[in-house]
Protein backbone atom coordinates (compact mmCIF):
# COMPACT_ATOMS: atom_id res chain seq x y z
CA MET A 1 -16.78 -13.11 -5.38
CA ASN A 2 -13.34 -13.94 -7.12
CA GLU A 3 -13.43 -11.56 -9.17
CA VAL A 4 -14.53 -8.40 -7.25
CA ARG A 5 -11.21 -9.84 -5.38
CA THR A 6 -9.07 -9.74 -8.32
CA LEU A 7 -9.46 -6.30 -9.23
CA PHE A 8 -8.34 -5.97 -5.70
CA GLU A 9 -5.32 -7.68 -5.80
CA GLN A 10 -4.50 -6.30 -9.16
CA PHE A 11 -3.59 -3.10 -9.91
CA TRP A 12 -5.53 -3.77 -13.21
CA ILE A 13 -6.14 -6.68 -15.32
CA CYS A 14 -4.58 -6.70 -19.35
CA LYS A 15 -6.51 -8.25 -21.73
CA ASP A 16 -3.47 -8.82 -23.93
CA ASN A 17 -1.68 -10.80 -21.05
CA ASN A 18 -3.78 -12.05 -18.49
CA LYS A 19 -7.38 -13.07 -21.00
CA GLU A 20 -9.12 -16.14 -18.84
CA ASP A 21 -9.30 -12.92 -15.68
CA TYR A 22 -9.61 -9.97 -18.14
CA TYR A 23 -13.12 -12.50 -19.37
CA LYS A 24 -13.99 -14.13 -16.08
CA VAL A 25 -14.46 -10.56 -14.64
CA LYS A 26 -16.06 -8.35 -17.75
CA ARG A 27 -19.12 -11.44 -17.23
CA ASP A 28 -19.39 -10.54 -13.43
CA ILE A 29 -19.10 -6.97 -13.78
CA PRO A 30 -23.08 -6.88 -13.29
CA ALA A 31 -22.81 -8.66 -9.92
CA PHE A 32 -20.92 -6.40 -8.07
CA GLN A 33 -21.11 -3.34 -9.79
CA ARG A 34 -23.41 -1.81 -7.65
CA PHE A 35 -21.64 -2.60 -4.51
CA ILE A 36 -18.32 -0.36 -5.77
CA ARG A 37 -19.88 2.55 -7.20
CA GLU A 38 -21.97 2.81 -4.04
CA GLN A 39 -20.47 1.74 -1.56
CA MET A 40 -17.08 1.97 -2.68
CA GLY A 41 -17.77 4.97 -4.66
CA TRP A 42 -14.40 3.49 -7.05
CA LYS A 43 -15.22 4.07 -10.54
CA LEU A 44 -14.39 0.84 -12.53
CA ILE A 45 -12.86 1.38 -16.50
CA HIS A 46 -13.36 -1.11 -18.93
CA THR A 47 -12.03 -0.84 -22.04
CA GLU A 48 -12.17 -3.89 -25.07
CA ASN A 49 -8.51 -4.73 -23.78
CA LEU A 50 -8.19 -3.74 -19.97
CA LEU A 51 -9.94 -3.60 -16.98
CA LYS A 52 -9.03 -1.12 -14.31
CA LEU A 53 -10.13 0.00 -10.76
CA GLU A 54 -9.51 3.04 -9.56
CA LYS A 55 -8.86 1.57 -5.21
CA ILE A 56 -8.68 5.29 -4.69
CA PRO A 57 -7.82 5.14 -0.55
CA ALA A 58 -10.04 6.76 2.40
CA HIS A 59 -6.70 8.68 3.60
CA ALA A 60 -3.33 8.59 2.49
CA GLU A 61 -1.49 5.84 4.10
CA SER A 62 2.99 5.73 3.21
CA PHE A 63 2.78 1.73 2.89
CA MET A 64 1.25 3.14 -0.26
CA GLY A 65 3.62 4.40 -2.38
CA ILE A 66 5.15 2.14 -5.47
CA GLN A 67 6.83 -0.48 -3.64
CA GLU A 68 9.56 -0.57 -6.22
CA PHE A 69 10.81 3.25 -5.69
CA SER A 70 13.09 4.43 -3.18
CA GLU A 71 13.61 7.87 -3.80
CA ILE A 72 11.43 10.93 -5.10
CA LEU A 73 12.80 11.54 -7.95
CA ASP A 74 11.75 8.14 -8.98
CA TYR A 75 8.20 9.38 -8.80
CA CYS A 76 8.85 12.50 -11.28
CA ILE A 77 11.43 10.61 -14.04
CA LEU A 78 7.53 8.12 -13.95
CA CYS A 79 5.18 11.43 -13.96
CA VAL A 80 7.51 12.80 -16.89
CA VAL A 81 7.32 9.80 -18.95
CA LEU A 82 3.54 9.45 -18.72
CA MET A 83 3.10 12.79 -20.30
CA TYR A 84 5.57 11.79 -22.83
CA LEU A 85 3.56 8.60 -24.06
CA GLU A 86 0.16 11.01 -24.57
CA ASP A 87 1.73 11.98 -27.36
CA LYS A 88 3.21 8.27 -28.15
CA GLU A 89 0.01 6.40 -30.33
CA GLU A 90 -0.73 2.85 -29.31
CA GLY A 91 2.17 0.54 -30.49
CA GLU A 92 4.46 3.81 -31.60
CA GLN A 93 8.12 2.89 -31.40
CA PHE A 94 10.85 5.50 -29.50
CA LEU A 95 14.61 5.74 -28.15
CA LEU A 96 16.04 5.38 -25.20
CA SER A 97 18.11 8.62 -26.12
CA GLU A 98 15.00 10.92 -27.29
CA LEU A 99 13.06 9.64 -23.95
CA ILE A 100 15.79 11.09 -21.37
CA ASP A 101 15.80 14.13 -23.51
CA TYR A 102 12.61 14.83 -23.11
CA VAL A 103 12.82 14.05 -19.27
CA GLU A 104 15.88 16.16 -19.51
CA THR A 105 13.83 19.08 -20.53
CA LYS A 106 10.64 18.59 -18.58
CA LEU A 107 12.30 18.38 -15.18
CA LYS A 108 14.57 21.17 -15.73
CA GLY A 109 13.69 23.92 -13.43
CA GLU A 110 12.31 21.77 -10.74
CA ILE A 111 15.39 19.44 -10.82
CA LEU A 112 18.89 18.98 -12.60
CA ILE A 113 19.25 15.81 -14.49
CA ASP A 114 22.89 14.80 -14.72
CA TRP A 115 23.22 11.63 -16.52
CA THR A 116 26.79 10.74 -15.65
CA SER A 117 25.03 10.40 -11.70
CA PHE A 118 24.37 6.71 -11.14
CA SER A 119 21.86 7.68 -8.79
CA GLN A 120 19.90 9.54 -11.34
CA ARG A 121 20.49 7.10 -13.83
CA LYS A 122 19.20 3.80 -11.24
CA SER A 123 16.63 6.00 -11.19
CA LEU A 124 15.61 6.30 -14.61
CA VAL A 125 15.95 2.74 -14.18
CA ARG A 126 13.13 1.43 -11.62
CA ALA A 127 10.69 3.90 -13.66
CA LEU A 128 10.66 2.14 -16.75
CA GLN A 129 11.27 -1.84 -15.67
CA TYR A 130 8.01 -0.33 -13.67
CA MET A 131 6.57 0.61 -16.12
CA GLU A 132 7.38 -2.32 -18.37
CA LYS A 133 5.91 -4.53 -15.56
CA MET A 134 2.69 -2.64 -15.12
CA GLN A 135 2.38 -3.21 -19.77
CA MET A 136 3.31 0.71 -20.08
CA LEU A 137 5.97 -0.63 -22.75
CA ARG A 138 7.76 -3.51 -24.34
CA VAL A 139 10.76 -3.93 -24.88
CA TYR A 140 11.46 -4.14 -28.71
CA GLU A 141 15.61 -4.27 -28.27
CA GLY A 142 17.99 -4.13 -25.62
CA ALA A 143 17.90 -3.78 -21.70
CA SER A 144 16.52 -0.65 -19.10
CA GLU A 145 19.34 -1.94 -15.98
CA ALA A 146 22.25 -1.22 -18.96
CA PHE A 147 21.22 1.89 -18.85
CA GLY A 148 21.86 2.03 -15.26
CA LEU A 149 25.12 0.72 -16.06
CA GLU A 150 26.19 2.93 -18.58
CA PRO A 151 24.92 6.48 -20.11
CA LYS A 152 24.80 5.97 -23.87
CA GLN A 153 23.33 2.58 -24.05
CA GLU A 154 20.12 2.37 -26.06
CA VAL A 155 17.73 0.72 -26.16
CA LEU A 156 14.54 0.37 -28.67
CA TYR A 157 10.80 1.08 -27.32
CA GLU A 158 7.17 0.90 -27.91
CA ASN A 159 4.42 1.97 -26.63
CA THR A 160 1.29 -0.63 -25.69
CA GLY A 161 -1.35 2.67 -25.11
CA TYR A 162 -1.92 1.77 -21.34
CA SER A 163 0.02 4.35 -20.06
CA LYS A 164 -2.62 6.60 -20.35
CA TYR A 165 -5.37 4.50 -18.20
CA PHE A 166 -2.43 5.10 -14.94
CA ALA A 167 -2.86 7.78 -13.85
CA THR A 168 -6.45 8.87 -12.01
CA SER A 169 -8.32 11.74 -13.34
CA PHE A 170 -9.64 13.83 -10.92
CA PRO A 171 -12.30 15.89 -11.06
CA MET A 172 -10.61 19.51 -9.78
CA ASP A 173 -7.52 21.63 -10.47
CA ILE A 174 -4.80 19.99 -8.97
CA SER A 175 -1.82 22.75 -10.43
CA ASP A 176 -1.21 24.17 -6.99
CA PHE A 177 -1.35 21.60 -4.75
CA GLU A 178 2.28 20.88 -3.29
CA THR A 179 1.46 17.84 -0.89
CA TRP A 180 -0.68 14.47 -0.12
CA LYS A 181 -2.35 16.84 2.20
CA ASP A 182 -3.80 18.99 -0.33
CA PHE A 183 -5.58 16.17 -1.49
CA GLU A 184 -7.79 15.24 1.87
CA LYS A 185 -7.83 18.80 1.91
CA GLN A 186 -10.43 19.77 -0.50
CA ARG A 187 -12.03 15.61 -0.03
CA PHE A 188 -12.51 17.55 3.16
CA GLU A 189 -14.47 20.68 1.29
CA GLU A 190 -16.19 17.77 -0.80
CA ILE A 191 -17.00 15.94 1.82
CA GLN A 192 -18.74 18.79 3.65
CA GLU A 193 -20.86 19.35 0.56
CA ASP A 194 -22.15 15.95 0.69
CA ARG A 195 -22.05 14.55 4.15
CA GLY A 196 -24.10 10.89 3.39
CA ALA A 197 -22.39 9.55 0.42
CA ALA A 198 -18.94 10.92 1.40
CA ARG A 199 -18.52 9.26 4.51
CA ILE A 200 -20.13 6.51 3.69
CA ASN A 201 -17.04 5.70 1.10
CA ARG A 202 -14.68 6.86 2.72
CA VAL A 203 -15.52 3.42 6.14
CA TYR A 204 -15.65 1.64 2.89
CA ARG A 205 -12.70 1.83 1.35
CA GLN A 206 -10.78 2.44 4.59
CA LEU A 207 -12.12 -1.06 5.65
CA ALA A 208 -11.80 -2.62 2.47
CA VAL A 209 -8.46 -1.58 1.45
CA CYS A 210 -5.96 -0.88 4.85
CA PRO A 211 -5.36 -3.00 7.74
CA ALA A 212 -7.13 -0.79 10.35
CA MET A 213 -10.00 1.99 10.80
CA TYR A 214 -8.76 3.65 13.82
CA TRP A 215 -10.45 7.20 15.44
CA GLU A 216 -10.47 9.20 19.02
CA GLY A 217 -12.85 9.72 20.54
CA ASN A 218 -17.41 9.30 20.30
CA GLU A 219 -17.55 11.77 18.15
CA ASP A 220 -16.05 10.44 15.30
CA VAL A 221 -18.19 11.09 12.43
CA ASP A 222 -16.98 7.80 10.81
CA SER A 223 -16.94 6.09 13.36
CA LEU A 224 -20.88 6.82 14.31
CA TYR A 225 -21.79 5.79 10.35
CA LEU A 226 -20.17 2.38 11.32
CA LYS A 227 -21.46 1.64 14.95
CA ASN A 228 -24.94 2.35 13.65
CA GLN A 229 -24.70 0.77 10.22
CA ARG A 230 -22.39 -2.49 11.27
CA GLN A 231 -25.56 -4.71 9.94
CA TRP A 232 -25.02 -3.65 6.84
CA VAL A 233 -21.54 -2.69 6.86
CA GLU A 234 -20.63 -6.24 7.62
CA LYS A 235 -23.01 -7.60 5.08
CA TYR A 236 -21.86 -5.62 1.86
CA LEU A 237 -18.00 -6.43 2.73
CA GLU A 238 -18.96 -10.36 3.64
CA GLU A 239 -21.32 -10.56 0.41
CA ASN A 240 -18.65 -9.13 -1.82
CA LEU A 241 -15.06 -9.65 -0.18
CA GLY A 242 -15.93 -12.65 2.53
CA GLY A 243 -14.43 -11.80 5.45
CA ARG A 244 -15.22 -10.90 8.80
CA LEU A 245 -15.62 -6.99 10.50
CA ASP A 246 -15.34 -6.80 14.24
CA ILE A 247 -15.44 -3.71 15.46
CA HIS A 248 -14.09 -2.26 19.22
CA LYS A 249 -13.51 1.06 21.56
CA ASN A 250 -11.14 2.39 19.10
CA ALA A 251 -10.69 0.64 16.29
CA ALA A 252 -12.10 -1.57 13.52
CA PHE A 253 -11.16 -4.41 11.56
CA PHE A 254 -12.21 -6.51 8.39
CA VAL A 255 -11.09 -9.92 8.95
CA LEU A 256 -9.93 -12.56 6.48
CA GLU A 257 -10.78 -16.43 7.57
CA GLU A 258 -7.89 -18.05 7.40
CA ASP A 259 -8.41 -20.66 4.39
CA ASP A 260 -9.92 -17.48 2.60
CA CYS A 261 -7.59 -15.12 2.09
CA TYR A 262 -6.73 -13.18 -0.88
CA GLY A 263 -4.05 -10.12 -1.63
CA LYS A 264 -1.09 -9.54 0.73
CA VAL A 265 -1.88 -10.59 3.99
CA HIS A 266 -0.12 -10.63 7.57
CA PRO A 267 0.21 -13.08 9.55
CA ARG A 268 1.49 -15.26 6.55
CA ASP A 269 4.18 -17.80 6.78
CA ALA A 270 7.97 -15.94 6.95
CA MET A 271 10.03 -14.98 9.19
CA LEU A 272 9.68 -10.96 9.73
CA PRO A 273 5.62 -11.49 9.94
CA GLU A 274 6.79 -14.38 13.14
CA ILE A 275 9.10 -12.21 14.81
CA VAL A 276 6.37 -8.63 14.84
CA LEU A 277 4.13 -11.98 16.33
CA LEU A 278 6.29 -12.96 18.99
CA VAL A 279 6.82 -9.08 19.20
CA CYS A 280 3.44 -8.15 19.91
CA ALA A 281 2.59 -11.62 21.90
CA HIS A 282 5.55 -9.73 24.55
CA ILE A 283 3.65 -5.77 24.10
CA GLN A 284 0.72 -8.07 25.22
CA GLN A 285 1.98 -9.46 28.29
CA MET A 286 3.93 -6.39 29.17
CA PHE A 287 0.53 -5.43 29.84
CA ARG A 288 -0.55 -7.92 31.15
CA VAL A 289 1.54 -7.77 34.40
CA GLY A 290 1.20 -3.65 34.47
CA GLU A 291 4.78 -2.99 33.03
CA VAL A 292 2.69 -0.38 30.58
CA VAL A 293 -0.78 1.44 30.64
CA LYS A 294 -2.71 2.32 28.12
CA GLN A 295 -4.38 5.51 26.76
CA GLU A 296 -7.92 6.55 26.56
CA ASN A 297 -7.92 6.22 23.12
CA GLU A 298 -6.78 2.60 23.50
CA MET A 299 -3.13 3.61 22.52
CA ILE A 300 0.18 2.73 24.22
CA ILE A 301 3.26 4.63 24.59
CA PHE A 302 7.02 3.77 24.28
CA THR A 303 9.62 5.44 23.28
CA GLU A 304 12.63 4.51 20.74
CA ARG A 305 14.85 2.70 23.06
CA GLN A 306 11.18 0.57 24.91
CA PHE A 307 10.37 -0.72 21.80
CA SER A 308 14.05 -1.35 20.49
CA GLU A 309 15.09 -2.95 23.60
CA LEU A 310 12.31 -4.62 23.12
CA VAL A 311 12.77 -5.94 19.78
CA PHE A 312 16.56 -7.22 21.25
CA LEU A 313 15.15 -9.10 24.50
CA CYS A 314 12.25 -11.50 21.82
CA ARG A 315 15.63 -12.08 19.90
CA GLN A 316 17.94 -12.97 22.82
CA LYS A 317 15.15 -15.61 24.63
CA TRP A 318 13.68 -16.80 21.02
CA SER A 319 16.68 -16.22 18.20
CA MET A 320 16.91 -20.37 17.96
CA GLY A 321 13.65 -20.34 16.17
CA TRP A 322 15.06 -17.03 13.82
CA SER A 323 16.83 -17.58 10.43
CA LYS A 324 20.28 -16.77 10.86
CA GLU A 325 19.48 -13.38 8.79
CA TYR A 326 16.83 -12.34 11.69
CA ARG A 327 19.57 -13.79 14.64
CA GLU A 328 22.83 -11.53 12.96
CA MET A 329 21.94 -8.95 11.88
CA ASP A 330 22.95 -5.42 13.22
CA GLU A 331 20.67 -4.66 15.85
CA GLY A 332 20.28 -0.92 14.42
CA LYS A 333 18.64 -2.23 11.21
CA LEU A 334 16.91 -5.09 12.62
CA VAL A 335 15.06 -2.70 14.99
CA ASP A 336 14.17 -0.74 11.70
CA THR A 337 13.12 -3.87 9.82
CA VAL A 338 10.27 -4.38 12.69
CA LYS A 339 9.30 -1.43 13.09
CA ASN A 340 8.73 -0.23 9.47
CA TYR A 341 6.95 -4.00 8.74
CA MET A 342 4.42 -3.31 11.81
CA LYS A 343 3.75 0.78 10.50
CA GLU A 344 2.98 -1.00 6.94
CA TRP A 345 0.31 -3.19 8.76
CA MET A 346 -0.73 -0.17 11.06
CA LEU A 347 0.82 -2.01 14.51
CA ILE A 348 2.51 1.19 15.31
CA ARG A 349 2.44 5.21 14.40
CA GLN A 350 5.54 6.69 14.93
CA SER A 351 5.71 10.16 16.67
CA GLY A 352 9.08 11.76 17.26
CA ASP A 353 11.11 9.84 19.35
CA MET A 354 7.78 8.16 20.29
CA VAL A 355 6.43 5.09 18.92
CA ILE A 356 2.72 4.08 19.64
CA ILE A 357 1.10 1.00 19.87
CA LEU A 358 -2.40 0.41 18.49
CA PRO A 359 -4.98 -1.71 18.46
CA ALA A 360 -4.01 -3.49 16.31
CA VAL A 361 -1.14 -5.65 18.47
CA GLY A 362 -3.56 -6.66 20.61
CA LYS A 363 -5.83 -8.57 18.32
CA GLN A 364 -2.51 -10.88 17.31
CA ALA A 365 -0.16 -12.76 19.30
CA GLY A 366 3.01 -15.38 18.18
CA PHE A 367 4.02 -18.12 20.61
CA TYR A 368 6.06 -21.31 20.44
CA PRO A 369 5.55 -24.48 21.68
CA GLU A 370 6.56 -24.89 26.02
CA ASP A 371 9.24 -27.00 25.09
CA PHE A 372 10.94 -25.14 22.30
CA GLY A 373 13.59 -24.50 24.54
CA GLU A 374 14.70 -20.55 25.80
CA VAL A 375 17.56 -19.15 25.47
CA GLU A 376 19.91 -17.40 28.59
């Protein structure tokens, strides 16, 4: 079970720097191959030097981007560098000056590139450093970050050959796609043709890689499958990944046991998750005393102002237990930080100037001891 978890945790496993995990997972492939192929519907790439599980999600979520990136240009540059490496042999070296000329030429007509712009140089640096981290590039001489400070800096790189396995191969032409919604639309059309297998894959993917699975009404096809096949879904998930399956009226959660966690988890021992647990507990208390009501779909609607006041109230009451960073943080930044974290863990959803409290908030709460001492 730990071996398939390793594939879930890591984008890929490269033999040249992680030989132990590479061979452990490789030996265990027969044990989980059927689960990956039939329940998850994913492709396992297996070469002499690399193992990669193509973890295509059921639905696009905001937290699924590359965490190191902060601008759309970062992604554009990454795609162009991947194109550049397509024509390079494994182990072939090239200069940064050659690469930036290629990037500028390829993006011409779409984006005006000006390497005297600090922000554009930083986008290139972020893309290159990410590729170094993912071992698609190896710095032979120099440093990528130097280009962010001075545009005339030179760096010598080496192509490792892994870049050709980075992008997902699609069975259809995506050249006319304009947004992520086009991918989901295409997938929906395929689901209509192959309703059974596609629906199974979608349910397992949502449970296995997302914090929650939500649905609006009783006729939702995914929730109907989950409820009807609960015994088998729970069995396959537990056998391969551990954890347990919790199903509620409008939500389902694949929950890991505290002493058997893997990957990125919530809550964890850090200040921000602790603050979020306090926020969740306060919302639950507001519901119990009738200050807020649930909608038919088990969700609660807050205005932006109500949510902000809730966060401020938690700080006012419990700031003695908070770190200096969060005690003194600007109010606007504090609310945004809490809100962004809760969005990533599918605890809330933003809709215009409304903050929608999702059912997962009702499953977790944090409290300080009674004798902790509140701030009046």
